């Protein structure tokens, strides 16, 4: 997994629960929500991206995870990365 400053789309998330709890992310998310209440355009996604900025990892395409930058058909992505 590559660490990134990309924003996520909160469809499916893989979360390291130990780190999540140790970093008290729930409390940080609550505080972020209260502070930015009128700016939460995508609710959960805005909060996750705001609190977890620079901690978000992007999975390789072989896991079927896509982002806006990868606007290709799945088979083409597999071919590009030699997964086919």
C-alpha atoms as a PDB file:
ATOM      1  CA  UNK A   1       0.000   0.000   0.000  1.00  0.00           C
ATOM      2  CA  UNK A   2       1.258   3.451  -0.904  1.00  0.00           C
ATOM      3  CA  UNK A   3       0.856   6.305   1.604  1.00  0.00           C
ATOM      4  CA  UNK A   4      -0.801   9.219  -0.094  1.00  0.00           C
ATOM      5  CA  UNK A   5      -2.382  12.617   0.356  1.00  0.00           C
ATOM      6  CA  UNK A   6      -5.240  11.606  -1.960  1.00  0.00           C
ATOM      7  CA  UNK A   7      -8.829  11.894  -0.860  1.00  0.00           C
ATOM      8  CA  UNK A   8     -10.823   8.722  -0.445  1.00  0.00           C
ATOM      9  CA  UNK A   9     -14.338   7.822  -1.400  1.00  0.00           C
ATOM     10  CA  UNK A  10     -15.842   6.058   1.614  1.00  0.00           C
ATOM     11  CA  UNK A  11     -17.195   2.992  -0.200  1.00  0.00           C
ATOM     12  CA  UNK A  12     -15.027   0.250   1.284  1.00  0.00           C
ATOM     13  CA  UNK A  13     -12.396   1.079   3.872  1.00  0.00           C
ATOM     14  CA  UNK A  14      -9.627  -1.083   5.295  1.00  0.00           C
ATOM     15  CA  UNK A  15      -8.775   0.317   8.704  1.00  0.00           C
ATOM     16  CA  UNK A  16      -5.917  -0.559  11.027  1.00  0.00           C
ATOM     17  CA  UNK A  17      -8.088  -0.641  14.153  1.00  0.00           C
ATOM     18  CA  UNK A  18      -5.160  -0.693  16.574  1.00  0.00           C
ATOM     19  CA  UNK A  19      -3.743   2.521  15.063  1.00  0.00           C
ATOM     20  CA  UNK A  20      -7.266   3.958  14.746  1.00  0.00           C
ATOM     21  CA  UNK A  21      -7.840   3.476  18.482  1.00  0.00           C
ATOM     22  CA  UNK A  22      -4.327   4.518  19.560  1.00  0.00           C
ATOM     23  CA  UNK A  23      -4.633   7.771  17.596  1.00  0.00           C
ATOM     24  CA  UNK A  24      -8.098   8.417  19.099  1.00  0.00           C
ATOM     25  CA  UNK A  25      -9.485   8.950  15.588  1.00  0.00           C
ATOM     26  CA  UNK A  26     -13.156   8.864  16.670  1.00  0.00           C
ATOM     27  CA  UNK A  27     -12.628  11.834  19.001  1.00  0.00           C
ATOM     28  CA  UNK A  28     -10.666  13.684  16.293  1.00  0.00           C
ATOM     29  CA  UNK A  29     -13.481  13.018  13.803  1.00  0.00           C
ATOM     30  CA  UNK A  30     -16.082  14.327  16.239  1.00  0.00           C
ATOM     31  CA  UNK A  31     -14.084  17.523  16.874  1.00  0.00           C
ATOM     32  CA  UNK A  32     -13.532  17.977  13.119  1.00  0.00           C
ATOM     33  CA  UNK A  33     -17.268  17.552  12.507  1.00  0.00           C
ATOM     34  CA  UNK A  34     -18.190  20.167  15.129  1.00  0.00           C
ATOM     35  CA  UNK A  35     -15.565  22.650  13.906  1.00  0.00           C
ATOM     36  CA  UNK A  36     -16.402  22.258  10.194  1.00  0.00           C
ATOM     37  CA  UNK A  37     -20.140  21.624  10.407  1.00  0.00           C
ATOM     38  CA  UNK A  38     -21.099  23.978   7.559  1.00  0.00           C
ATOM     39  CA  UNK A  39     -18.282  22.748   5.273  1.00  0.00           C
ATOM     40  CA  UNK A  40     -19.058  19.007   5.271  1.00  0.00           C
ATOM     41  CA  UNK A  41     -19.936  18.632   1.603  1.00  0.00           C
ATOM     42  CA  UNK A  42     -19.550  14.849   1.516  1.00  0.00           C
ATOM     43  CA  UNK A  43     -20.189  14.214   5.236  1.00  0.00           C
ATOM     44  CA  UNK A  44     -18.286  11.036   6.172  1.00  0.00           C
ATOM     45  CA  UNK A  45     -15.762  11.338   3.328  1.00  0.00           C
ATOM     46  CA  UNK A  46     -14.942  14.952   4.221  1.00  0.00           C
ATOM     47  CA  UNK A  47     -14.409  14.014   7.868  1.00  0.00           C
ATOM     48  CA  UNK A  48     -12.253  10.970   7.082  1.00  0.00           C
ATOM     49  CA  UNK A  49     -10.151  12.919   4.589  1.00  0.00           C
ATOM     50  CA  UNK A  50      -9.815  15.885   6.962  1.00  0.00           C
ATOM     51  CA  UNK A  51      -8.706  13.825   9.954  1.00  0.00           C
ATOM     52  CA  UNK A  52      -6.688  11.123   8.199  1.00  0.00           C
ATOM     53  CA  UNK A  53      -4.899  13.354   5.682  1.00  0.00           C
ATOM     54  CA  UNK A  54      -1.436  11.915   4.882  1.00  0.00           C
ATOM     55  CA  UNK A  55      -2.379   8.592   6.551  1.00  0.00           C
ATOM     56  CA  UNK A  56      -4.519   7.329   3.677  1.00  0.00           C
ATOM     57  CA  UNK A  57      -3.025   4.502   1.647  1.00  0.00           C
ATOM     58  CA  UNK A  58      -4.041   3.556  -1.877  1.00  0.00           C
ATOM     59  CA  UNK A  59      -4.266  -0.129  -2.765  1.00  0.00           C
ATOM     60  CA  UNK A  60      -2.845  -1.346  -6.094  1.00  0.00           C
ATOM     61  CA  UNK A  61      -5.399  -1.883  -8.904  1.00  0.00           C
ATOM     62  CA  UNK A  62      -5.166  -5.676  -8.540  1.00  0.00           C
ATOM     63  CA  UNK A  63      -7.465  -5.300  -5.517  1.00  0.00           C
ATOM     64  CA  UNK A  64     -10.164  -3.719  -7.674  1.00  0.00           C
ATOM     65  CA  UNK A  65      -9.836  -0.325  -6.030  1.00  0.00           C
ATOM     66  CA  UNK A  66     -10.101   2.676  -8.349  1.00  0.00           C
ATOM     67  CA  UNK A  67      -9.664   6.380  -7.929  1.00  0.00           C
ATOM     68  CA  UNK A  68     -10.470   9.286 -10.230  1.00  0.00           C
ATOM     69  CA  UNK A  69      -6.996   9.229 -11.745  1.00  0.00           C
ATOM     70  CA  UNK A  70      -7.461   5.654 -12.934  1.00  0.00           C
ATOM     71  CA  UNK A  71     -10.242   6.203 -15.415  1.00  0.00           C
ATOM     72  CA  UNK A  72      -9.572   3.051 -17.423  1.00  0.00           C
ATOM     73  CA  UNK A  73     -11.334  -0.240 -17.902  1.00  0.00           C
ATOM     74  CA  UNK A  74     -10.357  -2.884 -15.368  1.00  0.00           C
ATOM     75  CA  UNK A  75      -8.758  -5.144 -18.005  1.00  0.00           C
ATOM     76  CA  UNK A  76      -6.574  -2.308 -19.290  1.00  0.00           C
ATOM     77  CA  UNK A  77      -5.353  -1.550 -15.758  1.00  0.00           C
ATOM     78  CA  UNK A  78      -4.517  -5.226 -15.245  1.00  0.00           C
ATOM     79  CA  UNK A  79      -2.602  -5.274 -18.521  1.00  0.00           C
ATOM     80  CA  UNK A  80      -0.678  -2.087 -17.642  1.00  0.00           C
ATOM     81  CA  UNK A  81       0.408  -3.592 -14.321  1.00  0.00           C
ATOM     82  CA  UNK A  82       1.031  -7.062 -15.778  1.00  0.00           C
ATOM     83  CA  UNK A  83      -1.659  -8.713 -13.617  1.00  0.00           C
ATOM     84  CA  UNK A  84      -3.424 -10.386 -16.548  1.00  0.00           C
END
